[in-house]
Amino acid sequence: MKELTITTETIGNEEISAVDARSLWVALGARRDFSNWIKDKVLNNIFFEENVDWSLLAQKGEAQPCGFAANRKDYILSIDTAKK
């Protein structure tokens, strides 16, 4: 597994050690596309709570081959969430 960069981020009202979910996905070598992986592993998991265990980062426009820009959602995960 590749090494992840741990940063200090604000989730909810707390500053915590966290990792970028997309970087974790790449490091794990997940075969599913990111949007389905994050939904199954984090967003729809009853044990993880938004603004406590994870947070949505600002959306970025990403150019598509057809010429349109699609919004890409990125997430930040607490270290405890990333470990699970």
N, C-alpha and C. Protein backbone atom coordinates (compact mmCIF):
# COMPACT_ATOMS: atom_id res chain seq x y z
N MET A 1 0.85 -1.18 0.00
CA MET A 1 0.00 0.00 0.00
C MET A 1 0.89 1.24 0.00
N LYS A 2 0.48 2.24 -0.74
CA LYS A 2 1.22 3.49 -0.80
C LYS A 2 1.04 4.25 0.51
N GLU A 3 1.99 5.13 0.80
CA GLU A 3 1.92 5.92 2.01
C GLU A 3 0.95 7.09 1.81
N LEU A 4 0.15 7.37 2.83
CA LEU A 4 -0.83 8.45 2.76
C LEU A 4 -0.30 9.68 3.49
N THR A 5 -0.72 10.84 3.03
CA THR A 5 -0.37 12.09 3.69
C THR A 5 -1.44 12.42 4.72
N ILE A 6 -1.01 12.56 5.95
CA ILE A 6 -1.93 12.90 7.04
C ILE A 6 -1.86 14.41 7.24
N THR A 7 -3.02 15.03 7.25
CA THR A 7 -3.11 16.48 7.42
C THR A 7 -3.96 16.80 8.63
N THR A 8 -3.93 18.03 9.05
CA THR A 8 -4.82 18.49 10.10
C THR A 8 -5.95 19.24 9.42
N GLU A 9 -7.15 18.76 9.61
CA GLU A 9 -8.33 19.34 8.96
C GLU A 9 -9.40 19.62 10.00
N THR A 10 -10.33 20.48 9.64
CA THR A 10 -11.46 20.76 10.51
C THR A 10 -12.65 19.94 10.03
N ILE A 11 -13.14 19.08 10.89
CA ILE A 11 -14.36 18.33 10.61
C ILE A 11 -15.32 18.70 11.72
N GLY A 12 -16.46 19.22 11.34
CA GLY A 12 -17.38 19.75 12.34
C GLY A 12 -16.73 20.98 12.96
N ASN A 13 -16.58 20.98 14.27
CA ASN A 13 -15.94 22.11 14.96
C ASN A 13 -14.59 21.72 15.53
N GLU A 14 -14.07 20.56 15.15
CA GLU A 14 -12.82 20.05 15.70
C GLU A 14 -11.73 19.98 14.67
N GLU A 15 -10.51 20.25 15.09
CA GLU A 15 -9.36 20.04 14.22
C GLU A 15 -8.82 18.65 14.54
N ILE A 16 -8.74 17.81 13.51
CA ILE A 16 -8.30 16.43 13.71
C ILE A 16 -7.31 16.03 12.64
N SER A 17 -6.62 14.92 12.88
CA SER A 17 -5.76 14.33 11.86
C SER A 17 -6.66 13.61 10.87
N ALA A 18 -6.41 13.82 9.58
CA ALA A 18 -7.31 13.28 8.57
C ALA A 18 -6.54 12.94 7.30
N VAL A 19 -7.22 12.18 6.42
CA VAL A 19 -6.66 11.84 5.11
C VAL A 19 -7.71 12.11 4.05
N ASP A 20 -7.23 12.35 2.84
CA ASP A 20 -8.11 12.55 1.70
C ASP A 20 -8.66 11.18 1.28
N ALA A 21 -9.96 11.06 1.13
CA ALA A 21 -10.60 9.79 0.79
C ALA A 21 -10.15 9.28 -0.58
N ARG A 22 -9.98 10.16 -1.54
CA ARG A 22 -9.57 9.74 -2.88
C ARG A 22 -8.13 9.18 -2.85
N SER A 23 -7.27 9.75 -2.03
CA SER A 23 -5.91 9.23 -1.88
C SER A 23 -5.93 7.85 -1.22
N LEU A 24 -6.80 7.67 -0.24
CA LEU A 24 -6.95 6.37 0.40
C LEU A 24 -7.43 5.33 -0.61
N TRP A 25 -8.40 5.71 -1.42
CA TRP A 25 -8.94 4.83 -2.46
C TRP A 25 -7.84 4.37 -3.42
N VAL A 26 -6.99 5.32 -3.84
CA VAL A 26 -5.88 4.99 -4.74
C VAL A 26 -4.88 4.07 -4.03
N ALA A 27 -4.53 4.41 -2.79
CA ALA A 27 -3.55 3.63 -2.03
C ALA A 27 -4.01 2.19 -1.80
N LEU A 28 -5.31 2.01 -1.61
CA LEU A 28 -5.85 0.67 -1.40
C LEU A 28 -5.95 -0.12 -2.69
N GLY A 29 -5.89 0.57 -3.82
CA GLY A 29 -6.01 -0.11 -5.11
C GLY A 29 -7.40 -0.66 -5.35
N ALA A 30 -8.40 0.06 -4.84
CA ALA A 30 -9.79 -0.38 -5.00
C ALA A 30 -10.15 -0.49 -6.48
N ARG A 31 -10.85 -1.53 -6.82
CA ARG A 31 -11.22 -1.75 -8.23
C ARG A 31 -12.51 -1.06 -8.62
N ARG A 32 -13.33 -0.73 -7.66
CA ARG A 32 -14.59 -0.04 -7.95
C ARG A 32 -14.31 1.44 -8.20
N ASP A 33 -15.21 2.09 -8.93
CA ASP A 33 -15.03 3.53 -9.14
C ASP A 33 -15.23 4.25 -7.80
N PHE A 34 -14.59 5.41 -7.68
CA PHE A 34 -14.56 6.12 -6.41
C PHE A 34 -15.94 6.44 -5.87
N SER A 35 -16.85 6.91 -6.72
CA SER A 35 -18.17 7.33 -6.23
C SER A 35 -18.93 6.18 -5.56
N ASN A 36 -18.86 4.99 -6.13
CA ASN A 36 -19.54 3.84 -5.51
C ASN A 36 -18.79 3.35 -4.28
N TRP A 37 -17.47 3.37 -4.32
CA TRP A 37 -16.66 2.93 -3.19
C TRP A 37 -16.93 3.80 -1.97
N ILE A 38 -16.91 5.13 -2.13
CA ILE A 38 -17.10 6.04 -1.00
C ILE A 38 -18.52 5.92 -0.43
N LYS A 39 -19.50 5.72 -1.30
CA LYS A 39 -20.88 5.56 -0.82
C LYS A 39 -21.01 4.30 0.03
N ASP A 40 -20.48 3.19 -0.47
CA ASP A 40 -20.60 1.92 0.26
C ASP A 40 -19.78 1.88 1.53
N LYS A 41 -18.57 2.39 1.49
CA LYS A 41 -17.66 2.28 2.64
C LYS A 41 -17.86 3.35 3.70
N VAL A 42 -18.30 4.54 3.30
CA VAL A 42 -18.36 5.65 4.25
C VAL A 42 -19.74 6.31 4.33
N LEU A 43 -20.21 6.86 3.21
CA LEU A 43 -21.41 7.69 3.24
C LEU A 43 -22.66 6.95 3.70
N ASN A 44 -22.84 5.71 3.28
CA ASN A 44 -24.03 4.95 3.64
C ASN A 44 -23.80 4.01 4.82
N ASN A 45 -22.65 4.14 5.47
CA ASN A 45 -22.32 3.31 6.62
C ASN A 45 -22.95 3.94 7.86
N ILE A 46 -23.77 3.17 8.55
CA ILE A 46 -24.50 3.71 9.71
C ILE A 46 -23.60 4.06 10.88
N PHE A 47 -22.36 3.58 10.86
CA PHE A 47 -21.43 3.85 11.95
C PHE A 47 -20.63 5.13 11.76
N PHE A 48 -20.68 5.72 10.57
CA PHE A 48 -19.95 6.95 10.29
C PHE A 48 -20.92 8.11 10.15
N GLU A 49 -20.58 9.22 10.78
CA GLU A 49 -21.46 10.39 10.80
C GLU A 49 -20.78 11.58 10.11
N GLU A 50 -21.55 12.25 9.25
CA GLU A 50 -21.02 13.43 8.57
C GLU A 50 -20.66 14.50 9.59
N ASN A 51 -19.59 15.22 9.34
CA ASN A 51 -19.05 16.28 10.19
C ASN A 51 -18.56 15.77 11.54
N VAL A 52 -18.44 14.45 11.68
CA VAL A 52 -17.80 13.84 12.84
C VAL A 52 -16.67 12.93 12.35
N ASP A 53 -17.02 12.01 11.44
CA ASP A 53 -16.06 11.04 10.91
C ASP A 53 -15.56 11.41 9.52
N TRP A 54 -16.34 12.15 8.79
CA TRP A 54 -15.98 12.55 7.43
C TRP A 54 -16.64 13.87 7.09
N SER A 55 -16.10 14.52 6.06
CA SER A 55 -16.67 15.79 5.63
C SER A 55 -16.48 15.95 4.12
N LEU A 56 -17.43 16.59 3.49
CA LEU A 56 -17.36 16.88 2.06
C LEU A 56 -16.47 18.09 1.86
N LEU A 57 -15.52 17.96 0.95
CA LEU A 57 -14.66 19.09 0.60
C LEU A 57 -15.30 19.87 -0.54
N ALA A 58 -14.76 21.00 -0.85
CA ALA A 58 -15.27 21.81 -1.96
C ALA A 58 -15.26 21.00 -3.24
N GLN A 59 -16.31 21.16 -4.04
CA GLN A 59 -16.41 20.44 -5.31
C GLN A 59 -15.51 21.09 -6.35
N LYS A 60 -14.95 20.27 -7.21
CA LYS A 60 -14.07 20.76 -8.26
C LYS A 60 -14.65 20.39 -9.62
N GLY A 61 -14.55 21.29 -10.57
CA GLY A 61 -14.95 20.97 -11.94
C GLY A 61 -13.86 20.14 -12.59
N GLU A 62 -14.24 19.07 -13.23
CA GLU A 62 -13.26 18.19 -13.87
C GLU A 62 -13.64 18.04 -15.34
N ALA A 63 -12.69 18.33 -16.22
CA ALA A 63 -12.97 18.23 -17.65
C ALA A 63 -13.21 16.78 -18.06
N GLN A 64 -14.18 16.57 -18.90
CA GLN A 64 -14.52 15.25 -19.40
C GLN A 64 -14.11 15.15 -20.87
N PRO A 65 -13.90 13.94 -21.38
CA PRO A 65 -13.50 13.78 -22.78
C PRO A 65 -14.47 14.42 -23.78
N CYS A 66 -15.75 14.50 -23.41
CA CYS A 66 -16.74 15.06 -24.32
C CYS A 66 -16.72 16.60 -24.32
N GLY A 67 -15.88 17.20 -23.46
CA GLY A 67 -15.76 18.65 -23.44
C GLY A 67 -16.53 19.33 -22.34
N PHE A 68 -17.41 18.61 -21.65
CA PHE A 68 -18.19 19.19 -20.56
C PHE A 68 -17.40 19.07 -19.26
N ALA A 69 -17.67 19.94 -18.32
CA ALA A 69 -17.04 19.85 -17.00
C ALA A 69 -18.03 19.19 -16.05
N ALA A 70 -17.56 18.21 -15.33
CA ALA A 70 -18.41 17.52 -14.36
C ALA A 70 -17.90 17.85 -12.96
N ASN A 71 -18.82 18.00 -12.03
CA ASN A 71 -18.41 18.26 -10.65
C ASN A 71 -17.90 16.99 -10.02
N ARG A 72 -16.80 17.10 -9.33
CA ARG A 72 -16.19 15.96 -8.65
C ARG A 72 -16.24 16.25 -7.16
N LYS A 73 -16.79 15.32 -6.40
CA LYS A 73 -16.87 15.50 -4.95
C LYS A 73 -15.69 14.80 -4.31
N ASP A 74 -15.06 15.51 -3.39
CA ASP A 74 -13.97 14.94 -2.62
C ASP A 74 -14.32 14.99 -1.15
N TYR A 75 -13.77 14.06 -0.40
CA TYR A 75 -14.10 13.91 1.01
C TYR A 75 -12.82 13.82 1.82
N ILE A 76 -12.90 14.25 3.07
CA ILE A 76 -11.82 14.10 4.02
C ILE A 76 -12.32 13.14 5.11
N LEU A 77 -11.46 12.20 5.51
CA LEU A 77 -11.84 11.20 6.51
C LEU A 77 -10.96 11.34 7.75
N SER A 78 -11.56 11.16 8.91
CA SER A 78 -10.74 11.12 10.12
C SER A 78 -9.85 9.89 10.04
N ILE A 79 -8.76 9.88 10.76
CA ILE A 79 -7.84 8.75 10.77
C ILE A 79 -8.56 7.48 11.22
N ASP A 80 -9.39 7.57 12.25
CA ASP A 80 -10.12 6.40 12.74
C ASP A 80 -11.04 5.83 11.66
N THR A 81 -11.70 6.70 10.93
CA THR A 81 -12.57 6.25 9.83
C THR A 81 -11.76 5.60 8.74
N ALA A 82 -10.64 6.19 8.39
CA ALA A 82 -9.78 5.64 7.33
C ALA A 82 -9.26 4.25 7.72
N LYS A 83 -8.95 4.05 8.97
CA LYS A 83 -8.45 2.76 9.43
C LYS A 83 -9.49 1.66 9.29
N LYS A 84 -10.74 2.01 9.48
CA LYS A 84 -11.82 1.02 9.41
C LYS A 84 -12.15 0.71 7.99
